[in-house]
């Protein structure tokens, strides 16, 4: 699980590029940070957990089933949710 950096969500968003995707193959939302070892703030981590996300340590990504709270949080954090193309 990622460690907490103790920074606020707004300062974290200003300083890094975040990406959100949806995969129709497994009907999951994914939230990516720019580097696998990037620590997220405790505030952001708690908000992701409350929205239904879980940390996938194998793929270094937060994953959630498609639901309104998760969608709304990703749009707020990333501005949009992209399509995840399976190769």
Protein backbone atom coordinates (compact mmCIF):
# COMPACT_ATOMS: atom_id res chain seq x y z
CA UNK A 1 0.00 0.00 0.00
CA UNK A 2 1.30 3.49 -0.72
CA UNK A 3 2.56 5.50 2.20
CA UNK A 4 1.16 8.84 3.23
CA UNK A 5 3.17 11.93 2.34
CA UNK A 6 1.10 14.18 4.56
CA UNK A 7 0.36 16.77 1.85
CA UNK A 8 -3.05 18.10 0.99
CA UNK A 9 -5.00 16.86 -2.02
CA UNK A 10 -4.89 20.28 -3.70
CA UNK A 11 -1.11 20.64 -3.44
CA UNK A 12 -0.71 17.06 -4.63
CA UNK A 13 -2.90 17.68 -7.67
CA UNK A 14 -1.02 20.88 -8.53
CA UNK A 15 2.35 19.14 -8.46
CA UNK A 16 1.73 15.83 -10.27
CA UNK A 17 -0.06 14.45 -13.31
CA UNK A 18 -2.88 12.07 -12.41
CA UNK A 19 -4.76 9.78 -14.80
CA UNK A 20 -8.08 7.97 -14.55
CA UNK A 21 -9.36 5.25 -16.87
CA UNK A 22 -12.34 2.94 -17.27
CA UNK A 23 -12.03 -0.58 -18.67
CA UNK A 24 -15.21 -2.02 -20.19
CA UNK A 25 -13.55 -5.47 -20.20
CA UNK A 26 -13.74 -5.76 -16.41
CA UNK A 27 -16.00 -2.76 -15.64
CA UNK A 28 -13.36 -1.20 -13.34
CA UNK A 29 -12.15 2.33 -12.79
CA UNK A 30 -8.42 2.86 -12.35
CA UNK A 31 -6.57 5.78 -10.80
CA UNK A 32 -2.90 6.14 -11.77
CA UNK A 33 -0.19 8.28 -10.24
CA UNK A 34 2.84 9.17 -12.38
CA UNK A 35 5.24 6.80 -10.61
CA UNK A 36 4.61 3.54 -8.76
CA UNK A 37 6.55 4.74 -5.74
CA UNK A 38 4.74 8.09 -5.44
CA UNK A 39 3.26 8.44 -1.99
CA UNK A 40 -0.26 9.84 -1.86
CA UNK A 41 -1.43 12.05 0.95
CA UNK A 42 -3.40 10.55 3.80
CA UNK A 43 -6.33 12.76 2.83
CA UNK A 44 -6.33 11.53 -0.79
CA UNK A 45 -5.83 7.92 0.29
CA UNK A 46 -8.83 8.13 2.64
CA UNK A 47 -10.99 9.76 -0.05
CA UNK A 48 -10.10 6.98 -2.50
CA UNK A 49 -10.94 4.30 0.08
CA UNK A 50 -14.27 5.98 0.91
CA UNK A 51 -15.14 6.05 -2.81
CA UNK A 52 -14.57 2.28 -3.06
CA UNK A 53 -11.01 2.13 -4.40
CA UNK A 54 -8.51 -0.50 -3.31
CA UNK A 55 -4.75 -0.47 -3.87
CA UNK A 56 -3.55 -3.07 -6.39
CA UNK A 57 0.10 -3.53 -5.38
CA UNK A 58 0.81 -5.86 -8.30
CA UNK A 59 -0.06 -3.20 -10.88
CA UNK A 60 0.60 -0.08 -8.75
CA UNK A 61 -2.85 1.39 -9.32
CA UNK A 62 -6.01 2.13 -7.36
CA UNK A 63 -8.98 0.09 -8.67
CA UNK A 64 -12.71 0.44 -8.00
CA UNK A 65 -15.94 -0.97 -9.35
CA UNK A 66 -17.91 1.51 -11.40
CA UNK A 67 -20.06 3.55 -9.03
CA UNK A 68 -21.08 7.15 -8.70
CA UNK A 69 -18.82 8.14 -5.79
CA UNK A 70 -15.73 6.76 -7.57
CA UNK A 71 -16.63 8.45 -10.86
CA UNK A 72 -17.25 11.82 -9.20
CA UNK A 73 -13.95 11.67 -7.30
CA UNK A 74 -11.95 10.79 -10.43
CA UNK A 75 -13.52 13.62 -12.41
CA UNK A 76 -12.74 16.03 -9.59
CA UNK A 77 -9.12 14.84 -9.37
CA UNK A 78 -8.30 14.26 -13.05
CA UNK A 79 -10.87 16.30 -14.99
CA UNK A 80 -11.90 13.29 -17.10
CA UNK A 81 -11.90 9.51 -17.25
CA UNK A 82 -10.22 8.02 -20.30
CA UNK A 83 -10.88 4.74 -22.04
CA UNK A 84 -8.54 1.92 -21.14
CA UNK A 85 -7.73 -0.03 -24.28
CA UNK A 86 -6.87 -3.66 -23.73
CA UNK A 87 -4.19 -4.93 -26.13
